[in-house]
Amino acid sequence: MAKVERFAFHVPSLEELAGVLQKGLKENFADAQVSVVDCPDLTKEPFNFPAKDGEIF
């Protein structure tokens, strides 16, 4: 039987992730802004996706 190893990984918060992305983008672009917001309803304008999250086409 194969040996299974478990590791604890760091799971960053969304705010921490936004900060890292902001820093990297500012190093490469003159203007960059990162923010954490609620996801819009992608079935409505301007996206018009055919199914809601979790639904199968």
PDB file of N, CA and C in Angstrom:
ATOM      1  N   MET A   1       0.844  -1.183   0.000  1.00  0.00           N
ATOM      2  CA  MET A   1       0.000   0.000   0.000  1.00  0.00           C
ATOM      3  C   MET A   1       0.889   1.246   0.000  1.00  0.00           C
ATOM      4  N   ALA A   2       0.484   2.262  -0.742  1.00  0.00           N
ATOM      5  CA  ALA A   2       1.253   3.497  -0.846  1.00  0.00           C
ATOM      6  C   ALA A   2       1.132   4.307   0.443  1.00  0.00           C
ATOM      7  N   LYS A   3       2.227   4.958   0.787  1.00  0.00           N
ATOM      8  CA  LYS A   3       2.245   5.813   1.972  1.00  0.00           C
ATOM      9  C   LYS A   3       1.627   7.170   1.621  1.00  0.00           C
ATOM     10  N   VAL A   4       0.733   7.649   2.448  1.00  0.00           N
ATOM     11  CA  VAL A   4       0.089   8.935   2.229  1.00  0.00           C
ATOM     12  C   VAL A   4       0.681   9.951   3.187  1.00  0.00           C
ATOM     13  N   GLU A   5       1.153  11.056   2.644  1.00  0.00           N
ATOM     14  CA  GLU A   5       1.671  12.128   3.483  1.00  0.00           C
ATOM     15  C   GLU A   5       0.718  13.300   3.421  1.00  0.00           C
ATOM     16  N   ARG A   6       0.506  13.946   4.547  1.00  0.00           N
ATOM     17  CA  ARG A   6      -0.373  15.108   4.602  1.00  0.00           C
ATOM     18  C   ARG A   6       0.444  16.334   4.948  1.00  0.00           C
ATOM     19  N   PHE A   7       0.113  17.430   4.288  1.00  0.00           N
ATOM     20  CA  PHE A   7       0.801  18.694   4.510  1.00  0.00           C
ATOM     21  C   PHE A   7      -0.220  19.781   4.768  1.00  0.00           C
ATOM     22  N   ALA A   8       0.111  20.698   5.647  1.00  0.00           N
ATOM     23  CA  ALA A   8      -0.750  21.854   5.895  1.00  0.00           C
ATOM     24  C   ALA A   8      -0.271  22.990   5.007  1.00  0.00           C
ATOM     25  N   PHE A   9      -1.145  23.496   4.181  1.00  0.00           N
ATOM     26  CA  PHE A   9      -0.811  24.594   3.288  1.00  0.00           C
ATOM     27  C   PHE A   9      -1.421  25.882   3.809  1.00  0.00           C
ATOM     28  N   HIS A  10      -0.741  26.975   3.523  1.00  0.00           N
ATOM     29  CA  HIS A  10      -1.266  28.283   3.891  1.00  0.00           C
ATOM     30  C   HIS A  10      -2.350  28.659   2.887  1.00  0.00           C
ATOM     31  N   VAL A  11      -3.538  28.959   3.370  1.00  0.00           N
ATOM     32  CA  VAL A  11      -4.626  29.415   2.513  1.00  0.00           C
ATOM     33  C   VAL A  11      -4.830  30.895   2.811  1.00  0.00           C
ATOM     34  N   PRO A  12      -4.404  31.768   1.883  1.00  0.00           N
ATOM     35  CA  PRO A  12      -4.498  33.202   2.149  1.00  0.00           C
ATOM     36  C   PRO A  12      -5.944  33.690   2.120  1.00  0.00           C
ATOM     37  N   SER A  13      -6.208  34.745   2.858  1.00  0.00           N
ATOM     38  CA  SER A  13      -7.524  35.378   2.797  1.00  0.00           C
ATOM     39  C   SER A  13      -7.627  36.101   1.457  1.00  0.00           C
ATOM     40  N   LEU A  14      -8.834  36.458   1.065  1.00  0.00           N
ATOM     41  CA  LEU A  14      -9.008  37.198  -0.185  1.00  0.00           C
ATOM     42  C   LEU A  14      -8.309  38.543  -0.125  1.00  0.00           C
ATOM     43  N   GLU A  15      -8.317  39.174   1.039  1.00  0.00           N
ATOM     44  CA  GLU A  15      -7.645  40.467   1.189  1.00  0.00           C
ATOM     45  C   GLU A  15      -6.139  40.332   1.023  1.00  0.00           C
ATOM     46  N   GLU A  16      -5.569  39.267   1.582  1.00  0.00           N
ATOM     47  CA  GLU A  16      -4.136  39.026   1.440  1.00  0.00           C
ATOM     48  C   GLU A  16      -3.789  38.758  -0.024  1.00  0.00           C
ATOM     49  N   LEU A  17      -4.605  37.975  -0.685  1.00  0.00           N
ATOM     50  CA  LEU A  17      -4.389  37.675  -2.094  1.00  0.00           C
ATOM     51  C   LEU A  17      -4.477  38.945  -2.945  1.00  0.00           C
ATOM     52  N   ALA A  18      -5.454  39.793  -2.645  1.00  0.00           N
ATOM     53  CA  ALA A  18      -5.599  41.052  -3.378  1.00  0.00           C
ATOM     54  C   ALA A  18      -4.355  41.923  -3.199  1.00  0.00           C
ATOM     55  N   GLY A  19      -3.802  41.957  -1.997  1.00  0.00           N
ATOM     56  CA  GLY A  19      -2.600  42.738  -1.740  1.00  0.00           C
ATOM     57  C   GLY A  19      -1.402  42.252  -2.536  1.00  0.00           C
ATOM     58  N   VAL A  20      -1.251  40.949  -2.625  1.00  0.00           N
ATOM     59  CA  VAL A  20      -0.142  40.370  -3.393  1.00  0.00           C
ATOM     60  C   VAL A  20      -0.315  40.674  -4.883  1.00  0.00           C
ATOM     61  N   LEU A  21      -1.538  40.520  -5.386  1.00  0.00           N
ATOM     62  CA  LEU A  21      -1.789  40.836  -6.797  1.00  0.00           C
ATOM     63  C   LEU A  21      -1.559  42.318  -7.083  1.00  0.00           C
ATOM     64  N   GLN A  22      -2.010  43.174  -6.169  1.00  0.00           N
ATOM     65  CA  GLN A  22      -1.837  44.618  -6.339  1.00  0.00           C
ATOM     66  C   GLN A  22      -0.356  44.972  -6.437  1.00  0.00           C
ATOM     67  N   LYS A  23       0.436  44.405  -5.562  1.00  0.00           N
ATOM     68  CA  LYS A  23       1.878  44.688  -5.553  1.00  0.00           C
ATOM     69  C   LYS A  23       2.528  44.251  -6.859  1.00  0.00           C
ATOM     70  N   GLY A  24       2.211  43.043  -7.314  1.00  0.00           N
ATOM     71  CA  GLY A  24       2.796  42.539  -8.548  1.00  0.00           C
ATOM     72  C   GLY A  24       2.374  43.340  -9.761  1.00  0.00           C
ATOM     73  N   LEU A  25       1.117  43.735  -9.806  1.00  0.00           N
ATOM     74  CA  LEU A  25       0.634  44.513 -10.949  1.00  0.00           C
ATOM     75  C   LEU A  25       1.257  45.905 -10.983  1.00  0.00           C
ATOM     76  N   LYS A  26       1.412  46.528  -9.807  1.00  0.00           N
ATOM     77  CA  LYS A  26       2.002  47.874  -9.767  1.00  0.00           C
ATOM     78  C   LYS A  26       3.462  47.865 -10.213  1.00  0.00           C
ATOM     79  N   GLU A  27       4.135  46.729 -10.032  1.00  0.00           N
ATOM     80  CA  GLU A  27       5.522  46.626 -10.481  1.00  0.00           C
ATOM     81  C   GLU A  27       5.627  46.537 -12.006  1.00  0.00           C
ATOM     82  N   ASN A  28       4.524  46.168 -12.663  1.00  0.00           N
ATOM     83  CA  ASN A  28       4.563  45.956 -14.109  1.00  0.00           C
ATOM     84  C   ASN A  28       3.670  46.883 -14.923  1.00  0.00           C
ATOM     85  N   PHE A  29       2.788  47.624 -14.264  1.00  0.00           N
ATOM     86  CA  PHE A  29       1.867  48.500 -14.965  1.00  0.00           C
ATOM     87  C   PHE A  29       1.822  49.862 -14.285  1.00  0.00           C
ATOM     88  N   ALA A  30       1.615  50.906 -15.076  1.00  0.00           N
ATOM     89  CA  ALA A  30       1.552  52.266 -14.529  1.00  0.00           C
ATOM     90  C   ALA A  30       0.338  52.445 -13.637  1.00  0.00           C
ATOM     91  N   ASP A  31      -0.780  51.812 -13.988  1.00  0.00           N
ATOM     92  CA  ASP A  31      -2.005  51.952 -13.213  1.00  0.00           C
ATOM     93  C   ASP A  31      -2.646  50.581 -13.038  1.00  0.00           C
ATOM     94  N   ALA A  32      -2.826  50.170 -11.808  1.00  0.00           N
ATOM     95  CA  ALA A  32      -3.457  48.884 -11.522  1.00  0.00           C
ATOM     96  C   ALA A  32      -4.200  48.992 -10.200  1.00  0.00           C
ATOM     97  N   GLN A  33      -5.383  48.383 -10.146  1.00  0.00           N
ATOM     98  CA  GLN A  33      -6.179  48.418  -8.923  1.00  0.00           C
ATOM     99  C   GLN A  33      -6.823  47.056  -8.717  1.00  0.00           C
ATOM    100  N   VAL A  34      -6.699  46.516  -7.521  1.00  0.00           N
ATOM    101  CA  VAL A  34      -7.262  45.213  -7.176  1.00  0.00           C
ATOM    102  C   VAL A  34      -8.191  45.399  -5.994  1.00  0.00           C
ATOM    103  N   SER A  35      -9.366  44.781  -6.068  1.00  0.00           N
ATOM    104  CA  SER A  35     -10.298  44.833  -4.943  1.00  0.00           C
ATOM    105  C   SER A  35     -11.088  43.535  -4.879  1.00  0.00           C
ATOM    106  N   VAL A  36     -11.581  43.228  -3.699  1.00  0.00           N
ATOM    107  CA  VAL A  36     -12.398  42.042  -3.483  1.00  0.00           C
ATOM    108  C   VAL A  36     -13.849  42.513  -3.413  1.00  0.00           C
ATOM    109  N   VAL A  37     -14.683  41.981  -4.294  1.00  0.00           N
ATOM    110  CA  VAL A  37     -16.099  42.353  -4.340  1.00  0.00           C
ATOM    111  C   VAL A  37     -16.944  41.097  -4.479  1.00  0.00           C
ATOM    112  N   ASP A  38     -18.234  41.235  -4.201  1.00  0.00           N
ATOM    113  CA  ASP A  38     -19.158  40.129  -4.414  1.00  0.00           C
ATOM    114  C   ASP A  38     -19.278  39.850  -5.907  1.00  0.00           C
ATOM    115  N   CYS A  39     -19.420  38.600  -6.254  1.00  0.00           N
ATOM    116  CA  CYS A  39     -19.539  38.210  -7.644  1.00  0.00           C
ATOM    117  C   CYS A  39     -20.893  38.659  -8.192  1.00  0.00           C
ATOM    118  N   PRO A  40     -20.900  39.284  -9.374  1.00  0.00           N
ATOM    119  CA  PRO A  40     -22.176  39.683  -9.966  1.00  0.00           C
ATOM    120  C   PRO A  40     -22.939  38.459 -10.479  1.00  0.00           C
ATOM    121  N   ASP A  41     -24.228  38.615 -10.741  1.00  0.00           N
ATOM    122  CA  ASP A  41     -25.035  37.559 -11.343  1.00  0.00           C
ATOM    123  C   ASP A  41     -24.632  37.475 -12.814  1.00  0.00           C
ATOM    124  N   LEU A  42     -23.878  36.458 -13.149  1.00  0.00           N
ATOM    125  CA  LEU A  42     -23.325  36.345 -14.500  1.00  0.00           C
ATOM    126  C   LEU A  42     -24.350  35.920 -15.539  1.00  0.00           C
ATOM    127  N   THR A  43     -25.585  35.608 -15.100  1.00  0.00           N
ATOM    128  CA  THR A  43     -26.638  35.278 -16.060  1.00  0.00           C
ATOM    129  C   THR A  43     -27.296  36.540 -16.614  1.00  0.00           C
ATOM    130  N   LYS A  44     -26.991  37.697 -16.034  1.00  0.00           N
ATOM    131  CA  LYS A  44     -27.589  38.965 -16.466  1.00  0.00           C
ATOM    132  C   LYS A  44     -26.616  39.742 -17.352  1.00  0.00           C
ATOM    133  N   GLU A  45     -27.096  40.853 -17.927  1.00  0.00           N
ATOM    134  CA  GLU A  45     -26.269  41.736 -18.759  1.00  0.00           C
ATOM    135  C   GLU A  45     -25.046  42.194 -17.970  1.00  0.00           C
ATOM    136  N   PRO A  46     -23.897  42.353 -18.520  1.00  0.00           N
ATOM    137  CA  PRO A  46     -23.527  42.168 -19.920  1.00  0.00           C
ATOM    138  C   PRO A  46     -23.005  40.764 -20.219  1.00  0.00           C
ATOM    139  N   PHE A  47     -23.060  39.851 -19.250  1.00  0.00           N
ATOM    140  CA  PHE A  47     -22.441  38.537 -19.411  1.00  0.00           C
ATOM    141  C   PHE A  47     -23.341  37.521 -20.115  1.00  0.00           C
ATOM    142  N   ASN A  48     -24.593  37.428 -19.635  1.00  0.00           N
ATOM    143  CA  ASN A  48     -25.590  36.516 -20.225  1.00  0.00           C
ATOM    144  C   ASN A  48     -25.148  35.065 -20.286  1.00  0.00           C
ATOM    145  N   PHE A  49     -24.476  34.578 -19.243  1.00  0.00           N
ATOM    146  CA  PHE A  49     -24.110  33.166 -19.216  1.00  0.00           C
ATOM    147  C   PHE A  49     -25.395  32.339 -19.151  1.00  0.00           C
ATOM    148  N   PRO A  50     -25.402  31.161 -19.777  1.00  0.00           N
ATOM    149  CA  PRO A  50     -26.627  30.380 -19.869  1.00  0.00           C
ATOM    150  C   PRO A  50     -27.045  29.645 -18.597  1.00  0.00           C
ATOM    151  N   ALA A  51     -26.172  29.547 -17.586  1.00  0.00           N
ATOM    152  CA  ALA A  51     -26.518  28.799 -16.368  1.00  0.00           C
ATOM    153  C   ALA A  51     -25.929  29.491 -15.156  1.00  0.00           C
ATOM    154  N   LYS A  52     -26.587  29.306 -14.001  1.00  0.00           N
ATOM    155  CA  LYS A  52     -26.067  29.849 -12.755  1.00  0.00           C
ATOM    156  C   LYS A  52     -24.979  28.938 -12.217  1.00  0.00           C
ATOM    157  N   ASP A  53     -24.205  29.439 -11.251  1.00  0.00           N
ATOM    158  CA  ASP A  53     -23.115  28.680 -10.646  1.00  0.00           C
ATOM    159  C   ASP A  53     -23.603  27.326 -10.155  1.00  0.00           C
ATOM    160  N   GLY A  54     -22.925  26.276 -10.553  1.00  0.00           N
ATOM    161  CA  GLY A  54     -23.259  24.932 -10.110  1.00  0.00           C
ATOM    162  C   GLY A  54     -24.217  24.194 -11.011  1.00  0.00           C
ATOM    163  N   GLU A  55     -24.877  24.878 -11.924  1.00  0.00           N
ATOM    164  CA  GLU A  55     -25.796  24.230 -12.840  1.00  0.00           C
ATOM    165  C   GLU A  55     -25.022  23.637 -14.016  1.00  0.00           C
ATOM    166  N   ILE A  56     -25.538  22.563 -14.542  1.00  0.00           N
ATOM    167  CA  ILE A  56     -24.923  21.909 -15.698  1.00  0.00           C
ATOM    168  C   ILE A  56     -25.688  22.343 -16.941  1.00  0.00           C
ATOM    169  N   PHE A  57     -24.958  22.631 -17.986  1.00  0.00           N
ATOM    170  CA  PHE A  57     -25.595  23.081 -19.231  1.00  0.00           C
ATOM    171  C   PHE A  57     -26.503  22.022 -19.795  1.00  0.00           C
TER     172      PHE A  57
END
